[in-house]
Amino acid sequence: MDVEIEIHDDQLKVLPHHQYITAEGLSPSNVAPSPIDQFRIWFKEAVEGKKVEEPEAMSLSTATPSGIPSARMVLFKELDHRGFVFFTNYTSRKSHELLANPHAALVFYWREVHRSVRVVGKVEKISEEESRDYFHSRPVGSQVGAWASKQSSVVGEREVHARLKKLEQKFGDDVPLPEFWGGWRVVPNEVEFWIGKPSRLHDRVRYLRVGGTDDEPEWKIERLAP
């Protein structure tokens, strides 16, 4: 799907691009009863199909209590019966916003297969034990890097690298979990699955939570207009 543009003076326009062509359809009648189960199916297909580059990449949107949004790309790392887990520095901008306004939105876009998943929900920190288990599964360099970077703060040139060198000497291969680092879980109350179709008449199916508990939610499944 090549993109063509026009540039005139200070204006840039993206021209209409090729139509989406997907053989499979999406409707409330052919999805799993739970969005967690449906996501598991799609994610497995995205990984095993070998077409999608970095299927775990997702956009994470947060907002301040006054409603000012911010978004960034992060890596999805775990899925459990409660929701979607990612890891970060707890002193970063995203974490400050999540602490002040504990709601977030995620978007996965798998361009190569014309699929997307959108998630909206509340957030919660995962347990320290869960964070520690994941932290120690990372390469040692990434573990030390978590200590070295005061994420989202202003730094001088080479400052982080200088700190990294000192920490490498201090910790060696035995790097403890920083108290300022760990996982967040997005517990969904809305999940939408999207498949691109010709003429922008895309298939959209939304799961909307209508009751139950975070461990056993109840879902209403609806088709949305494209």
Protein backbone atom coordinates (compact mmCIF):
# COMPACT_ATOMS: atom_id res chain seq x y z
CA MET A 1 0.00 0.00 0.00
CA ASP A 2 2.13 2.84 -1.32
CA VAL A 3 1.45 6.39 -0.19
CA GLU A 4 1.56 9.35 -2.57
CA ILE A 5 1.81 12.96 -1.46
CA GLU A 6 1.56 16.44 -2.91
CA ILE A 7 3.55 19.36 -1.52
CA HIS A 8 2.67 22.97 -2.34
CA ASP A 9 4.50 25.72 -0.48
CA ASP A 10 3.87 24.96 3.20
CA GLN A 11 1.03 22.48 2.60
CA LEU A 12 1.40 18.71 2.42
CA LYS A 13 -1.45 16.48 1.22
CA VAL A 14 -1.71 12.71 1.42
CA LEU A 15 -3.45 11.46 -1.73
CA PRO A 16 -6.04 8.66 -1.74
CA HIS A 17 -4.33 5.30 -1.50
CA HIS A 18 -5.18 1.77 -2.53
CA GLN A 19 -8.27 0.06 -1.19
CA TYR A 20 -8.11 -2.46 1.63
CA ILE A 21 -8.71 -5.99 0.40
CA THR A 22 -9.39 -8.66 3.03
CA ALA A 23 -11.07 -11.97 2.42
CA GLU A 24 -12.32 -12.61 5.93
CA GLY A 25 -15.30 -10.86 7.47
CA LEU A 26 -15.92 -9.74 11.03
CA SER A 27 -19.27 -9.73 12.80
CA PRO A 28 -20.70 -10.33 16.28
CA SER A 29 -21.63 -13.84 15.12
CA ASN A 30 -18.07 -15.01 14.41
CA VAL A 31 -16.04 -13.60 17.31
CA ALA A 32 -15.22 -15.13 20.67
CA PRO A 33 -17.52 -14.38 23.65
CA SER A 34 -14.69 -12.50 25.38
CA PRO A 35 -12.47 -9.76 23.90
CA ILE A 36 -9.51 -11.25 25.77
CA ASP A 37 -10.04 -14.55 23.94
CA GLN A 38 -10.59 -12.78 20.60
CA PHE A 39 -7.41 -10.74 21.05
CA ARG A 40 -5.48 -13.89 21.89
CA ILE A 41 -6.67 -15.43 18.60
CA TRP A 42 -5.74 -12.38 16.52
CA PHE A 43 -2.40 -11.80 18.22
CA LYS A 44 -1.41 -15.45 17.72
CA GLU A 45 -2.29 -15.13 14.02
CA ALA A 46 -0.31 -11.87 13.73
CA VAL A 47 2.77 -13.51 15.24
CA GLU A 48 2.59 -16.90 13.56
CA GLY A 49 1.65 -15.48 10.16
CA LYS A 50 5.11 -13.85 9.97
CA LYS A 51 3.72 -10.86 8.03
CA VAL A 52 3.33 -8.30 10.80
CA GLU A 53 6.44 -6.42 11.86
CA GLU A 54 6.51 -5.95 15.64
CA PRO A 55 2.93 -7.00 16.40
CA GLU A 56 3.46 -6.16 20.08
CA ALA A 57 3.88 -2.43 19.33
CA MET A 58 0.91 -0.40 20.52
CA SER A 59 -0.06 3.21 21.01
CA LEU A 60 -0.71 4.14 24.63
CA SER A 61 -2.81 7.25 25.27
CA THR A 62 -3.09 8.88 28.67
CA ALA A 63 -4.45 12.20 29.87
CA THR A 64 -4.01 14.67 32.70
CA PRO A 65 -6.90 15.23 35.14
CA SER A 66 -7.81 18.32 33.11
CA GLY A 67 -8.09 16.26 29.95
CA ILE A 68 -4.87 17.13 28.10
CA PRO A 69 -3.92 13.97 26.19
CA SER A 70 -0.57 12.47 25.29
CA ALA A 71 0.31 9.37 23.30
CA ARG A 72 3.38 7.27 22.67
CA MET A 73 4.35 3.85 21.35
CA VAL A 74 5.10 1.14 23.92
CA LEU A 75 5.45 -2.63 23.82
CA PHE A 76 2.65 -4.95 24.91
CA LYS A 77 4.16 -7.69 27.05
CA GLU A 78 1.50 -9.80 28.77
CA LEU A 79 -2.17 -10.70 28.54
CA ASP A 80 -4.09 -12.27 31.41
CA HIS A 81 -7.76 -12.68 32.27
CA ARG A 82 -7.85 -9.11 33.61
CA GLY A 83 -6.19 -7.23 30.77
CA PHE A 84 -3.16 -5.93 28.86
CA VAL A 85 0.21 -5.39 30.57
CA PHE A 86 3.14 -3.14 29.68
CA PHE A 87 6.20 -2.07 31.66
CA THR A 88 7.73 1.33 32.24
CA ASN A 89 9.38 3.74 34.65
CA TYR A 90 6.92 4.79 37.36
CA THR A 91 8.35 8.33 37.35
CA SER A 92 7.79 8.85 33.60
CA ARG A 93 5.22 11.23 32.16
CA LYS A 94 2.90 8.36 31.25
CA SER A 95 3.03 6.99 34.80
CA HIS A 96 2.44 10.43 36.37
CA GLU A 97 -0.64 10.81 34.18
CA LEU A 98 -1.87 7.30 34.97
CA LEU A 99 -1.49 7.92 38.69
CA ALA A 100 -3.45 11.18 38.44
CA ASN A 101 -6.04 9.88 35.96
CA PRO A 102 -6.11 6.05 36.01
CA HIS A 103 -7.58 5.46 32.56
CA ALA A 104 -5.88 4.70 29.25
CA ALA A 105 -6.47 3.75 25.63
CA LEU A 106 -4.43 1.33 23.52
CA VAL A 107 -4.34 0.85 19.76
CA PHE A 108 -2.68 -2.02 17.91
CA TYR A 109 -2.41 -1.48 14.14
CA TRP A 110 -1.28 -4.42 12.04
CA ARG A 111 -0.97 -2.73 8.68
CA GLU A 112 0.27 -5.79 6.83
CA VAL A 113 -2.97 -7.72 7.48
CA HIS A 114 -5.34 -4.72 7.63
CA ARG A 115 -6.35 -5.33 11.23
CA SER A 116 -6.56 -3.09 14.28
CA VAL A 117 -7.57 -3.47 17.92
CA ARG A 118 -8.62 -0.57 20.14
CA VAL A 119 -8.80 -0.90 23.94
CA VAL A 120 -10.19 1.55 26.53
CA GLY A 121 -10.10 0.88 30.25
CA LYS A 122 -8.94 1.68 33.72
CA VAL A 123 -5.37 0.99 34.81
CA GLU A 124 -3.77 -0.68 37.80
CA LYS A 125 -0.21 -1.47 38.81
CA ILE A 126 0.69 -5.13 38.70
CA SER A 127 2.30 -6.75 41.75
CA GLU A 128 5.96 -6.18 42.59
CA GLU A 129 6.51 -9.92 42.24
CA GLU A 130 5.13 -9.91 38.70
CA SER A 131 7.29 -6.90 37.82
CA ARG A 132 10.38 -8.56 39.29
CA ASP A 133 9.80 -11.78 37.34
CA TYR A 134 9.56 -9.86 34.07
CA PHE A 135 12.45 -7.52 34.90
CA HIS A 136 14.84 -10.42 35.44
CA SER A 137 13.75 -12.03 32.15
CA ARG A 138 15.16 -9.00 30.28
CA PRO A 139 18.76 -8.82 28.99
CA VAL A 140 21.15 -7.49 31.63
CA GLY A 141 21.81 -4.40 29.52
CA SER A 142 18.11 -3.54 29.55
CA GLN A 143 17.97 -4.07 33.30
CA VAL A 144 20.83 -1.65 33.90
CA GLY A 145 19.32 0.76 31.38
CA ALA A 146 16.16 0.95 33.48
CA TRP A 147 18.28 2.22 36.37
CA ALA A 148 20.28 4.62 34.19
CA SER A 149 17.41 6.48 32.53
CA LYS A 150 15.31 8.95 34.50
CA GLN A 151 12.63 8.59 31.88
CA SER A 152 11.03 11.77 30.47
CA SER A 153 13.44 14.07 32.34
CA VAL A 154 15.69 16.56 30.54
CA VAL A 155 19.28 15.28 30.31
CA GLY A 156 22.60 16.47 28.98
CA GLU A 157 24.50 14.89 26.10
CA ARG A 158 25.98 11.50 27.09
CA GLU A 159 24.66 11.90 30.66
CA VAL A 160 22.66 8.67 30.52
CA HIS A 161 25.58 6.74 29.03
CA ALA A 162 27.92 7.99 31.75
CA ARG A 163 25.44 6.89 34.41
CA LEU A 164 25.06 3.53 32.64
CA LYS A 165 28.80 2.85 32.83
CA LYS A 166 28.86 3.50 36.57
CA LEU A 167 25.85 1.28 37.16
CA GLU A 168 27.32 -1.55 35.07
CA GLN A 169 30.34 -1.52 37.37
CA LYS A 170 28.14 -1.34 40.46
CA PHE A 171 25.73 -4.15 39.63
CA GLY A 172 27.60 -6.49 37.32
CA ASP A 173 25.18 -9.25 36.32
CA ASP A 174 23.12 -9.04 39.52
CA VAL A 175 20.73 -6.16 38.85
CA PRO A 176 17.91 -5.58 41.37
CA LEU A 177 14.45 -4.40 40.38
CA PRO A 178 14.29 -0.60 40.73
CA GLU A 179 11.55 0.56 43.08
CA PHE A 180 10.56 3.11 40.41
CA TRP A 181 10.01 0.57 37.63
CA GLY A 182 7.27 -1.97 36.92
CA GLY A 183 4.15 -2.95 35.09
CA TRP A 184 0.77 -1.39 34.42
CA ARG A 185 -2.32 -3.38 33.46
CA VAL A 186 -5.11 -1.88 31.34
CA VAL A 187 -8.36 -3.52 32.48
CA PRO A 188 -10.71 -3.04 29.50
CA ASN A 189 -14.28 -1.82 29.55
CA GLU A 190 -14.37 -1.43 25.75
CA VAL A 191 -12.51 -3.34 23.04
CA GLU A 192 -13.00 -2.86 19.31
CA PHE A 193 -11.76 -5.16 16.53
CA TRP A 194 -11.40 -3.70 13.03
CA ILE A 195 -10.78 -5.19 9.60
CA GLY A 196 -10.12 -2.93 6.60
CA LYS A 197 -12.56 -3.29 3.69
CA PRO A 198 -12.98 -1.64 0.25
CA SER A 199 -14.61 1.78 -0.04
CA ARG A 200 -13.89 2.44 3.63
CA LEU A 201 -16.79 0.15 4.59
CA HIS A 202 -14.72 -1.50 7.27
CA ASP A 203 -15.90 -4.27 9.58
CA ARG A 204 -16.01 -3.10 13.19
CA VAL A 205 -17.06 -5.17 16.20
CA ARG A 206 -17.12 -3.70 19.69
CA TYR A 207 -17.21 -5.41 23.06
CA LEU A 208 -18.75 -3.17 25.73
CA ARG A 209 -18.61 -4.19 29.35
CA VAL A 210 -22.09 -4.21 30.87
CA GLY A 211 -21.52 -5.85 34.25
CA GLY A 212 -19.67 -8.53 36.13
CA THR A 213 -16.32 -8.11 37.88
CA ASP A 214 -12.82 -7.33 36.66
CA ASP A 215 -12.06 -11.05 36.95
CA GLU A 216 -15.30 -12.17 35.27
CA PRO A 217 -16.72 -9.29 33.20
CA GLU A 218 -19.93 -9.49 31.18
CA TRP A 219 -19.81 -8.20 27.60
CA LYS A 220 -22.24 -6.86 25.03
CA ILE A 221 -21.05 -7.45 21.46
CA GLU A 222 -22.15 -5.03 18.72
CA ARG A 223 -21.38 -4.15 15.13
CA LEU A 224 -20.40 -0.51 14.59
CA ALA A 225 -20.90 1.54 11.46
CA PRO A 226 -17.65 2.03 9.51
